[in-house]
Amino acid sequence: MVTDTVYHSWLAVLLKWLSASVVVLLLLTGCATRAQDRQGGHILTRFDRQDLATATAFVRHFKQHRGDRMMAVQQGLDSGPVIYDLWSDGKTIEVRIDDSRDIYSDRNQTTFTCKNAEIARAWGKKQFQVSSCEGVEGGGAWLFAFDGLWRS
């Protein structure tokens, strides 16, 4: 009878420890998911410091010959958004620009391939630039600026 009581108390302790461990694991997983949701993953919408960090990571991965992807959705003031899809295999970047929702644009999709990308300062703002491009007049393009930065 004493053995049954000791056995049950150890079993109770073990079950409490396991359930507490599961609760902690679920909380940590939920916190990580919420932090990732706040960051927006690889989708730029605010063009602030956080989006600048995401774009900088994309450029860094490309220069390290690692594949990556990124999407930027730039909302117009009085028209629809322009969507930039960037896919990298570590050697080239495929850029797809979709301005079909913007009523003041040509309402089409443009796709071209580039061999270089960087974040550079132009016109007083940090901007995402691609260069050594095929299918683009002049061989390069400024895609979008990080307007949401207070200080750079």
C-alpha atoms as a PDB file:
ATOM      1  CA  MET A   1       0.000   0.000   0.000  1.00  0.00           C
ATOM      2  CA  VAL A   2       2.868   2.404   0.769  1.00  0.00           C
ATOM      3  CA  THR A   3       4.452   1.429  -2.548  1.00  0.00           C
ATOM      4  CA  ASP A   4       1.247   2.320  -4.419  1.00  0.00           C
ATOM      5  CA  THR A   5       1.148   5.753  -2.735  1.00  0.00           C
ATOM      6  CA  VAL A   6       4.825   6.480  -3.591  1.00  0.00           C
ATOM      7  CA  TYR A   7       4.267   5.262  -7.157  1.00  0.00           C
ATOM      8  CA  HIS A   8       1.196   7.468  -7.586  1.00  0.00           C
ATOM      9  CA  SER A   9       2.987  10.533  -6.173  1.00  0.00           C
ATOM     10  CA  TRP A  10       5.894  10.079  -8.598  1.00  0.00           C
ATOM     11  CA  LEU A  11       3.461   9.598 -11.427  1.00  0.00           C
ATOM     12  CA  ALA A  12       1.601  12.775 -10.420  1.00  0.00           C
ATOM     13  CA  VAL A  13       4.865  14.744 -10.308  1.00  0.00           C
ATOM     14  CA  LEU A  14       5.895  13.401 -13.714  1.00  0.00           C
ATOM     15  CA  LEU A  15       2.520  14.285 -15.258  1.00  0.00           C
ATOM     16  CA  LYS A  16       2.622  17.797 -13.779  1.00  0.00           C
ATOM     17  CA  TRP A  17       6.150  18.304 -15.123  1.00  0.00           C
ATOM     18  CA  LEU A  18       5.161  17.081 -18.588  1.00  0.00           C
ATOM     19  CA  SER A  19       2.048  19.244 -18.722  1.00  0.00           C
ATOM     20  CA  ALA A  20       4.002  22.299 -17.531  1.00  0.00           C
ATOM     21  CA  SER A  21       6.631  21.622 -20.208  1.00  0.00           C
ATOM     22  CA  VAL A  22       3.967  21.401 -22.902  1.00  0.00           C
ATOM     23  CA  VAL A  23       2.388  24.670 -21.753  1.00  0.00           C
ATOM     24  CA  VAL A  24       5.757  26.458 -21.802  1.00  0.00           C
ATOM     25  CA  LEU A  25       6.551  25.041 -25.242  1.00  0.00           C
ATOM     26  CA  LEU A  26       3.188  26.186 -26.612  1.00  0.00           C
ATOM     27  CA  LEU A  27       3.658  29.663 -25.143  1.00  0.00           C
ATOM     28  CA  LEU A  28       7.129  29.993 -26.647  1.00  0.00           C
ATOM     29  CA  THR A  29       5.917  28.785 -30.031  1.00  0.00           C
ATOM     30  CA  GLY A  30       2.998  31.226 -29.934  1.00  0.00           C
ATOM     31  CA  CYS A  31       5.277  34.138 -29.029  1.00  0.00           C
ATOM     32  CA  ALA A  32       7.646  33.322 -31.880  1.00  0.00           C
ATOM     33  CA  THR A  33       4.745  33.140 -34.321  1.00  0.00           C
ATOM     34  CA  ARG A  34       3.329  36.472 -33.157  1.00  0.00           C
ATOM     35  CA  ALA A  35       6.750  38.133 -33.468  1.00  0.00           C
ATOM     36  CA  GLN A  36       7.071  36.772 -36.989  1.00  0.00           C
ATOM     37  CA  ASP A  37       3.564  38.038 -37.819  1.00  0.00           C
ATOM     38  CA  ARG A  38       4.479  41.512 -36.533  1.00  0.00           C
ATOM     39  CA  GLN A  39       7.570  41.516 -38.701  1.00  0.00           C
ATOM     40  CA  GLY A  40       5.495  40.746 -41.768  1.00  0.00           C
ATOM     41  CA  GLY A  41       7.867  38.047 -42.988  1.00  0.00           C
ATOM     42  CA  HIS A  42       9.106  38.871 -46.459  1.00  0.00           C
ATOM     43  CA  ILE A  43       6.295  41.275 -47.360  1.00  0.00           C
ATOM     44  CA  LEU A  44       7.069  44.987 -47.229  1.00  0.00           C
ATOM     45  CA  THR A  45       4.089  47.289 -46.710  1.00  0.00           C
ATOM     46  CA  ARG A  46       5.193  50.128 -44.422  1.00  0.00           C
ATOM     47  CA  PHE A  47       8.624  50.907 -45.880  1.00  0.00           C
ATOM     48  CA  ASP A  48       9.916  51.692 -42.393  1.00  0.00           C
ATOM     49  CA  ARG A  49      13.025  50.520 -40.497  1.00  0.00           C
ATOM     50  CA  GLN A  50      11.679  47.003 -40.150  1.00  0.00           C
ATOM     51  CA  ASP A  51      11.004  46.726 -43.886  1.00  0.00           C
ATOM     52  CA  LEU A  52      14.442  48.200 -44.562  1.00  0.00           C
ATOM     53  CA  ALA A  53      15.960  45.428 -42.420  1.00  0.00           C
ATOM     54  CA  THR A  54      14.016  42.815 -44.415  1.00  0.00           C
ATOM     55  CA  ALA A  55      15.203  44.286 -47.729  1.00  0.00           C
ATOM     56  CA  THR A  56      18.785  44.510 -46.435  1.00  0.00           C
ATOM     57  CA  ALA A  57      18.618  40.818 -45.475  1.00  0.00           C
ATOM     58  CA  PHE A  58      17.367  40.010 -48.996  1.00  0.00           C
ATOM     59  CA  VAL A  59      20.352  41.841 -50.523  1.00  0.00           C
ATOM     60  CA  ARG A  60      22.757  40.165 -48.068  1.00  0.00           C
ATOM     61  CA  HIS A  61      21.387  36.702 -48.895  1.00  0.00           C
ATOM     62  CA  PHE A  62      21.735  37.444 -52.604  1.00  0.00           C
ATOM     63  CA  LYS A  63      25.350  38.551 -52.202  1.00  0.00           C
ATOM     64  CA  GLN A  64      26.006  35.340 -50.223  1.00  0.00           C
ATOM     65  CA  HIS A  65      24.592  33.413 -53.222  1.00  0.00           C
ATOM     66  CA  ARG A  66      21.604  32.198 -51.218  1.00  0.00           C
ATOM     67  CA  GLY A  67      18.095  32.129 -52.616  1.00  0.00           C
ATOM     68  CA  ASP A  68      15.397  34.332 -51.130  1.00  0.00           C
ATOM     69  CA  ARG A  69      12.125  36.004 -51.983  1.00  0.00           C
ATOM     70  CA  MET A  70      10.523  39.299 -51.098  1.00  0.00           C
ATOM     71  CA  MET A  71       7.341  41.152 -51.998  1.00  0.00           C
ATOM     72  CA  ALA A  72       6.757  44.877 -51.664  1.00  0.00           C
ATOM     73  CA  VAL A  73       3.256  46.322 -51.870  1.00  0.00           C
ATOM     74  CA  GLN A  74       3.456  50.060 -52.418  1.00  0.00           C
ATOM     75  CA  GLN A  75       0.122  51.792 -51.975  1.00  0.00           C
ATOM     76  CA  GLY A  76      -0.486  54.899 -54.085  1.00  0.00           C
ATOM     77  CA  LEU A  77      -1.996  58.016 -52.552  1.00  0.00           C
ATOM     78  CA  ASP A  78      -4.946  58.194 -54.910  1.00  0.00           C
ATOM     79  CA  SER A  79      -4.799  54.922 -56.817  1.00  0.00           C
ATOM     80  CA  GLY A  80      -4.263  51.199 -56.387  1.00  0.00           C
ATOM     81  CA  PRO A  81      -1.114  49.431 -55.211  1.00  0.00           C
ATOM     82  CA  VAL A  82       1.962  48.522 -57.210  1.00  0.00           C
ATOM     83  CA  ILE A  83       3.266  45.061 -56.300  1.00  0.00           C
ATOM     84  CA  TYR A  84       6.928  44.121 -56.604  1.00  0.00           C
ATOM     85  CA  ASP A  85       7.777  40.403 -56.516  1.00  0.00           C
ATOM     86  CA  LEU A  86      11.466  39.581 -56.210  1.00  0.00           C
ATOM     87  CA  TRP A  87      12.734  36.011 -56.471  1.00  0.00           C
ATOM     88  CA  SER A  88      16.414  35.214 -56.119  1.00  0.00           C
ATOM     89  CA  ASP A  89      18.255  31.962 -56.730  1.00  0.00           C
ATOM     90  CA  GLY A  90      21.504  33.476 -55.435  1.00  0.00           C
ATOM     91  CA  LYS A  91      22.784  34.236 -58.951  1.00  0.00           C
ATOM     92  CA  THR A  92      20.049  36.366 -60.468  1.00  0.00           C
ATOM     93  CA  ILE A  93      16.970  38.192 -59.258  1.00  0.00           C
ATOM     94  CA  GLU A  94      13.717  37.931 -61.152  1.00  0.00           C
ATOM     95  CA  VAL A  95      11.717  41.120 -60.697  1.00  0.00           C
ATOM     96  CA  ARG A  96       8.012  41.189 -61.471  1.00  0.00           C
ATOM     97  CA  ILE A  97       6.237  44.530 -61.231  1.00  0.00           C
ATOM     98  CA  ASP A  98       2.442  44.418 -61.261  1.00  0.00           C
ATOM     99  CA  ASP A  99       0.796  47.818 -61.568  1.00  0.00           C
ATOM    100  CA  SER A 100      -2.456  46.505 -63.019  1.00  0.00           C
ATOM    101  CA  ARG A 101      -4.375  47.728 -59.951  1.00  0.00           C
ATOM    102  CA  ASP A 102      -3.047  51.285 -60.281  1.00  0.00           C
ATOM    103  CA  ILE A 103      -5.544  53.299 -62.326  1.00  0.00           C
ATOM    104  CA  TYR A 104      -2.900  55.837 -63.400  1.00  0.00           C
ATOM    105  CA  SER A 105      -0.426  53.283 -64.760  1.00  0.00           C
ATOM    106  CA  ASP A 106      -0.157  51.273 -67.952  1.00  0.00           C
ATOM    107  CA  ARG A 107      -2.024  48.498 -66.066  1.00  0.00           C
ATOM    108  CA  ASN A 108       0.348  45.709 -66.952  1.00  0.00           C
ATOM    109  CA  GLN A 109       2.947  43.373 -65.533  1.00  0.00           C
ATOM    110  CA  THR A 110       6.636  43.711 -66.269  1.00  0.00           C
ATOM    111  CA  THR A 111       9.209  41.004 -65.643  1.00  0.00           C
ATOM    112  CA  PHE A 112      12.976  41.269 -65.943  1.00  0.00           C
ATOM    113  CA  THR A 113      16.106  39.595 -64.578  1.00  0.00           C
ATOM    114  CA  CYS A 114      18.962  41.336 -62.762  1.00  0.00           C
ATOM    115  CA  LYS A 115      22.414  40.334 -61.551  1.00  0.00           C
ATOM    116  CA  ASN A 116      22.819  42.878 -58.742  1.00  0.00           C
ATOM    117  CA  ALA A 117      20.778  44.540 -55.998  1.00  0.00           C
ATOM    118  CA  GLU A 118      21.539  47.057 -53.289  1.00  0.00           C
ATOM    119  CA  ILE A 119      20.080  49.568 -50.884  1.00  0.00           C
ATOM    120  CA  ALA A 120      21.393  52.995 -51.869  1.00  0.00           C
ATOM    121  CA  ARG A 121      20.690  56.581 -50.955  1.00  0.00           C
ATOM    122  CA  ALA A 122      19.100  58.654 -53.705  1.00  0.00           C
ATOM    123  CA  TRP A 123      17.015  61.803 -53.581  1.00  0.00           C
ATOM    124  CA  GLY A 124      17.470  61.966 -49.812  1.00  0.00           C
ATOM    125  CA  LYS A 125      15.992  58.501 -49.175  1.00  0.00           C
ATOM    126  CA  LYS A 126      17.204  54.936 -48.922  1.00  0.00           C
ATOM    127  CA  GLN A 127      15.973  53.050 -51.946  1.00  0.00           C
ATOM    128  CA  PHE A 128      16.045  49.520 -53.307  1.00  0.00           C
ATOM    129  CA  GLN A 129      17.922  49.360 -56.591  1.00  0.00           C
ATOM    130  CA  VAL A 130      18.563  46.578 -59.076  1.00  0.00           C
ATOM    131  CA  SER A 131      21.240  46.755 -61.767  1.00  0.00           C
ATOM    132  CA  SER A 132      22.823  44.694 -64.534  1.00  0.00           C
ATOM    133  CA  CYS A 133      19.321  43.891 -65.714  1.00  0.00           C
ATOM    134  CA  GLU A 134      18.131  42.325 -68.949  1.00  0.00           C
ATOM    135  CA  GLY A 135      14.853  43.662 -70.273  1.00  0.00           C
ATOM    136  CA  VAL A 136      15.122  47.111 -68.665  1.00  0.00           C
ATOM    137  CA  GLU A 137      16.069  50.306 -70.445  1.00  0.00           C
ATOM    138  CA  GLY A 138      19.350  51.548 -68.993  1.00  0.00           C
ATOM    139  CA  GLY A 139      20.110  48.181 -67.379  1.00  0.00           C
ATOM    140  CA  GLY A 140      18.783  49.036 -63.926  1.00  0.00           C
ATOM    141  CA  ALA A 141      15.926  50.447 -61.922  1.00  0.00           C
ATOM    142  CA  TRP A 142      15.066  52.085 -58.607  1.00  0.00           C
ATOM    143  CA  LEU A 143      12.135  50.026 -57.369  1.00  0.00           C
ATOM    144  CA  PHE A 144      10.876  51.514 -54.098  1.00  0.00           C
ATOM    145  CA  ALA A 145      11.969  53.896 -51.348  1.00  0.00           C
ATOM    146  CA  PHE A 146      11.835  53.543 -47.595  1.00  0.00           C
ATOM    147  CA  ASP A 147       9.705  56.609 -46.889  1.00  0.00           C
ATOM    148  CA  GLY A 148       8.692  55.492 -43.394  1.00  0.00           C
ATOM    149  CA  LEU A 149      12.138  56.151 -41.910  1.00  0.00           C
ATOM    150  CA  TRP A 150      12.342  58.981 -39.397  1.00  0.00           C
ATOM    151  CA  ARG A 151      16.121  59.166 -39.515  1.00  0.00           C
ATOM    152  CA  SER A 152      18.522  57.182 -41.648  1.00  0.00           C
END
